[in-house]
Each structure stands twice: as C-alpha cells, then as structure tokens.
Amino acid sequence: MLALRLFGSLGARLHFADHLDEHIPLTGRPGSLLAFLALSRGHFFTRSDLASTLWGERASSRTLGSFNTTLWRLRKAVEKPPLHAGDVITSDKRGAIGMPHDAHCVLDVEEFEKLVLPALVKPIERLDATDVEHLREGAARYQDDILAGFIDDWALREREKPRRHYFN
C-alpha cells in the first residue's frame, strides 16, 4: 500500500505487511505529477492536459516526451513489489492517465476529509460527542497547508479546499 502525505511537504511511503516501511523520495516533476493525480483521484487526463496543467508549458512533442519520462520515473518509484503496474497509476481505454478510486493508496487529505466533512454539514446544535471528536482528530491531522512547498497554480487552488474545512 502506498501512503501519501500531502499536508506540509510531499511524502510517500510503501507499507509492507511483513517488514518495515520504505520511504520513497519524490521531488520535482514526478512528485508534482503524483500529488496532482492523487488529489484528482478517479479522474483521468490526457498526457498533453497533464503536461500543460502541471508545468504550464505549451504541449509539444518535446514536452510530451519529457512527460512520458516523468511518468515512467514515477511508476518506477511507486509501483514496486508488492504493488504491480497499474495498482496506483493507470490509463483508461483512451490512454488517459489517472489514479483510480480503488488505487492501492492512502492519502492523509482524504482521511482528514472523512473525519471533518460529515460534522461540518451539520448545524452546530446537532453535533454530538462523536462529531466533536472527529473534528478534533481532523484538526490534529492538519499540520500545515497541503503541498506547502509547491507554487504552481493548480497546487495553490487545491490548497484552499482543506484550508477552508480546517478554518470552519
């Protein structure tokens, strides 16, 4: 199972059932691609859309070649045994790339949202002790803004979603 930490700086670990976890160093473009796909879980994108969204470059054959190299490096880094190719990142019938809903991946941001969102939709007078405890647990997980070191437009937009939930 791949565990991603997006609060603060990007962190990734492979969890194994029979031995210690393995830290996966992800920086630069592979890290940016993984973070984007994880936050867009269940959505699939063409290679040119991903290249232009993530790196703001006009899609060209050179850019797409660079993207393909980045995708290969990312898959090589995260889809190690016991994971298989396609367990975390896959492509659909049209060749679009994404992280499926059932990917072998746990995200700290998703865990945060599972804790706080059910309570945030309730009027305050209807919160029970379990709701309050979940809000406390969720707030404790919010150590820093997500992808704190990223300055790309897509990351700044994504950063606002959990920040609003945290302040609420």
Protein backbone atom coordinates (compact mmCIF):
# COMPACT_ATOMS: atom_id res chain seq x y z
CA MET A 1 0.00 0.00 0.00
CA LEU A 2 1.27 3.48 -0.87
CA ALA A 3 0.73 6.14 1.80
CA LEU A 4 0.93 9.77 0.70
CA ARG A 5 1.39 12.73 2.99
CA LEU A 6 0.28 15.93 1.33
CA PHE A 7 -0.05 18.12 4.44
CA GLY A 8 3.18 20.08 4.59
CA SER A 9 5.74 18.77 2.15
CA LEU A 10 5.06 15.79 -0.08
CA GLY A 11 5.97 12.45 1.48
CA ALA A 12 5.44 8.91 0.25
CA ARG A 13 5.93 5.53 1.91
CA LEU A 14 5.31 1.98 0.81
CA HIS A 15 3.73 -0.09 3.58
CA PHE A 16 4.54 -3.77 3.66
CA ALA A 17 2.71 -6.36 5.73
CA ASP A 18 5.81 -8.33 6.70
CA HIS A 19 8.57 -5.73 7.16
CA LEU A 20 9.41 -2.07 7.67
CA ASP A 21 8.02 0.69 5.53
CA GLU A 22 10.09 2.12 2.71
CA HIS A 23 10.39 5.88 2.17
CA ILE A 24 10.05 6.90 -1.48
CA PRO A 25 11.95 10.05 -2.38
CA LEU A 26 9.79 12.09 -4.74
CA THR A 27 10.82 15.52 -5.87
CA GLY A 28 10.38 17.68 -8.91
CA ARG A 29 8.10 16.65 -11.71
CA PRO A 30 7.41 13.06 -10.59
CA GLY A 31 6.32 14.36 -7.17
CA SER A 32 4.17 17.05 -8.73
CA LEU A 33 2.53 14.52 -11.05
CA LEU A 34 1.80 12.09 -8.20
CA ALA A 35 0.33 14.83 -6.00
CA PHE A 36 -1.91 16.08 -8.82
CA LEU A 37 -3.15 12.58 -9.70
CA ALA A 38 -3.77 11.77 -6.03
CA LEU A 39 -5.79 14.93 -5.46
CA SER A 40 -7.73 14.23 -8.67
CA ARG A 41 -8.32 10.58 -7.75
CA GLY A 42 -10.86 8.95 -10.06
CA HIS A 43 -10.33 11.46 -12.88
CA PHE A 44 -8.28 10.73 -15.98
CA PHE A 45 -6.37 13.25 -18.09
CA THR A 46 -4.67 13.24 -21.47
CA ARG A 47 -0.91 13.49 -21.42
CA SER A 48 -0.96 16.91 -23.05
CA ASP A 49 -3.53 18.19 -20.50
CA LEU A 50 -1.36 16.95 -17.63
CA ALA A 51 1.79 18.47 -19.10
CA SER A 52 0.18 21.88 -19.64
CA THR A 53 -1.60 21.88 -16.25
CA LEU A 54 1.39 20.80 -14.23
CA TRP A 55 4.17 22.62 -15.99
CA GLY A 56 2.39 25.39 -17.85
CA GLU A 57 4.24 24.57 -20.99
CA ARG A 58 2.64 24.53 -24.36
CA ALA A 59 2.19 20.90 -25.35
CA SER A 60 4.73 19.88 -27.96
CA SER A 61 6.38 16.63 -28.95
CA ARG A 62 9.36 17.57 -26.74
CA THR A 63 7.11 18.36 -23.77
CA LEU A 64 5.20 15.11 -24.21
CA GLY A 65 8.45 13.19 -24.38
CA SER A 66 9.52 14.81 -21.12
CA PHE A 67 6.12 13.99 -19.62
CA ASN A 68 6.44 10.33 -20.64
CA THR A 69 9.86 10.16 -18.97
CA THR A 70 8.41 11.71 -15.81
CA LEU A 71 5.51 9.24 -15.81
CA TRP A 72 7.95 6.33 -16.26
CA ARG A 73 10.10 7.58 -13.35
CA LEU A 74 7.04 7.97 -11.14
CA ARG A 75 5.73 4.50 -11.89
CA LYS A 76 9.18 3.02 -11.29
CA ALA A 77 9.37 4.77 -7.91
CA VAL A 78 5.91 3.92 -6.54
CA GLU A 79 4.83 0.68 -8.19
CA LYS A 80 7.40 -1.56 -6.55
CA PRO A 81 6.60 -5.07 -5.29
CA PRO A 82 4.27 -5.98 -3.71
CA LEU A 83 2.50 -3.41 -5.88
CA HIS A 84 2.14 -4.07 -9.59
CA ALA A 85 1.97 -1.82 -12.63
CA GLY A 86 -1.44 -0.13 -12.61
CA ASP A 87 -2.08 -0.51 -8.86
CA VAL A 88 -1.54 3.21 -8.27
CA ILE A 89 -1.42 4.91 -11.66
CA THR A 90 -3.23 3.57 -14.69
CA SER A 91 -4.65 4.61 -18.03
CA ASP A 92 -8.17 4.21 -19.34
CA LYS A 93 -9.29 2.81 -22.70
CA ARG A 94 -8.44 6.09 -24.43
CA GLY A 95 -4.94 6.26 -22.93
CA ALA A 96 -5.77 8.98 -20.40
CA ILE A 97 -3.72 8.82 -17.18
CA GLY A 98 -5.12 8.85 -13.65
CA MET A 99 -5.26 7.35 -10.19
CA PRO A 100 -8.38 5.20 -9.95
CA HIS A 101 -10.68 5.37 -6.92
CA ASP A 102 -9.60 1.87 -5.91
CA ALA A 103 -5.86 2.56 -6.22
CA HIS A 104 -3.68 0.97 -3.53
CA CYS A 105 -3.08 4.36 -1.95
CA VAL A 106 -3.98 6.13 1.29
CA LEU A 107 -3.98 9.95 1.36
CA ASP A 108 -3.78 11.99 4.53
CA VAL A 109 -6.03 14.62 2.93
CA GLU A 110 -8.77 12.03 2.30
CA GLU A 111 -8.51 10.83 5.91
CA PHE A 112 -8.85 14.45 7.08
CA GLU A 113 -11.93 14.97 4.91
CA LYS A 114 -13.56 11.72 6.10
CA LEU A 115 -13.24 12.97 9.67
CA VAL A 116 -14.37 16.58 9.29
CA LEU A 117 -16.82 16.80 6.39
CA PRO A 118 -19.70 14.82 7.95
CA ALA A 119 -19.66 17.10 11.00
CA LEU A 120 -19.25 20.32 9.01
CA VAL A 121 -22.52 19.77 7.13
CA LYS A 122 -24.50 19.60 10.38
CA PRO A 123 -25.82 22.62 12.26
CA ILE A 124 -23.66 23.21 15.32
CA GLU A 125 -26.50 22.43 17.72
CA ARG A 126 -26.85 18.94 16.19
CA LEU A 127 -23.22 17.91 16.71
CA ASP A 128 -22.77 15.01 19.10
CA ALA A 129 -19.69 13.87 21.03
CA THR A 130 -18.53 11.65 18.14
CA ASP A 131 -18.74 14.56 15.69
CA VAL A 132 -16.72 16.77 18.01
CA GLU A 133 -14.09 14.06 18.46
CA HIS A 134 -13.83 13.58 14.69
CA LEU A 135 -13.39 17.34 14.24
CA ARG A 136 -10.61 17.32 16.83
CA GLU A 137 -8.89 14.36 15.16
CA GLY A 138 -9.17 16.01 11.76
CA ALA A 139 -7.82 19.32 13.02
CA ALA A 140 -4.87 17.49 14.59
CA ARG A 141 -4.01 15.95 11.20
CA TYR A 142 -3.85 19.37 9.58
CA GLN A 143 -0.20 20.10 10.39
CA ASP A 144 0.36 22.56 7.57
CA ASP A 145 -1.20 23.55 4.24
CA ILE A 146 -1.14 20.80 1.67
CA LEU A 147 1.83 20.84 -0.67
CA ALA A 148 3.36 23.73 1.25
CA GLY A 149 6.44 23.87 -0.98
CA PHE A 150 4.52 23.92 -4.26
CA ILE A 151 3.89 27.25 -6.00
CA ASP A 152 2.12 26.03 -9.13
CA ASP A 153 -1.36 27.43 -9.79
CA TRP A 154 -3.04 24.01 -9.54
CA ALA A 155 -1.43 23.40 -6.12
CA LEU A 156 -2.50 26.80 -4.81
CA ARG A 157 -6.10 26.07 -5.85
CA GLU A 158 -6.01 22.62 -4.23
CA ARG A 159 -4.53 24.07 -1.05
CA GLU A 160 -7.62 26.18 -0.43
CA LYS A 161 -10.10 23.29 -0.15
CA PRO A 162 -8.80 21.66 3.04
CA ARG A 163 -7.77 25.05 4.43
CA ARG A 164 -11.42 26.20 4.30
CA HIS A 165 -12.54 22.99 6.00
CA TYR A 166 -9.91 23.45 8.70
CA PHE A 167 -10.94 27.02 9.44
CA ASN A 168 -14.61 26.04 9.51
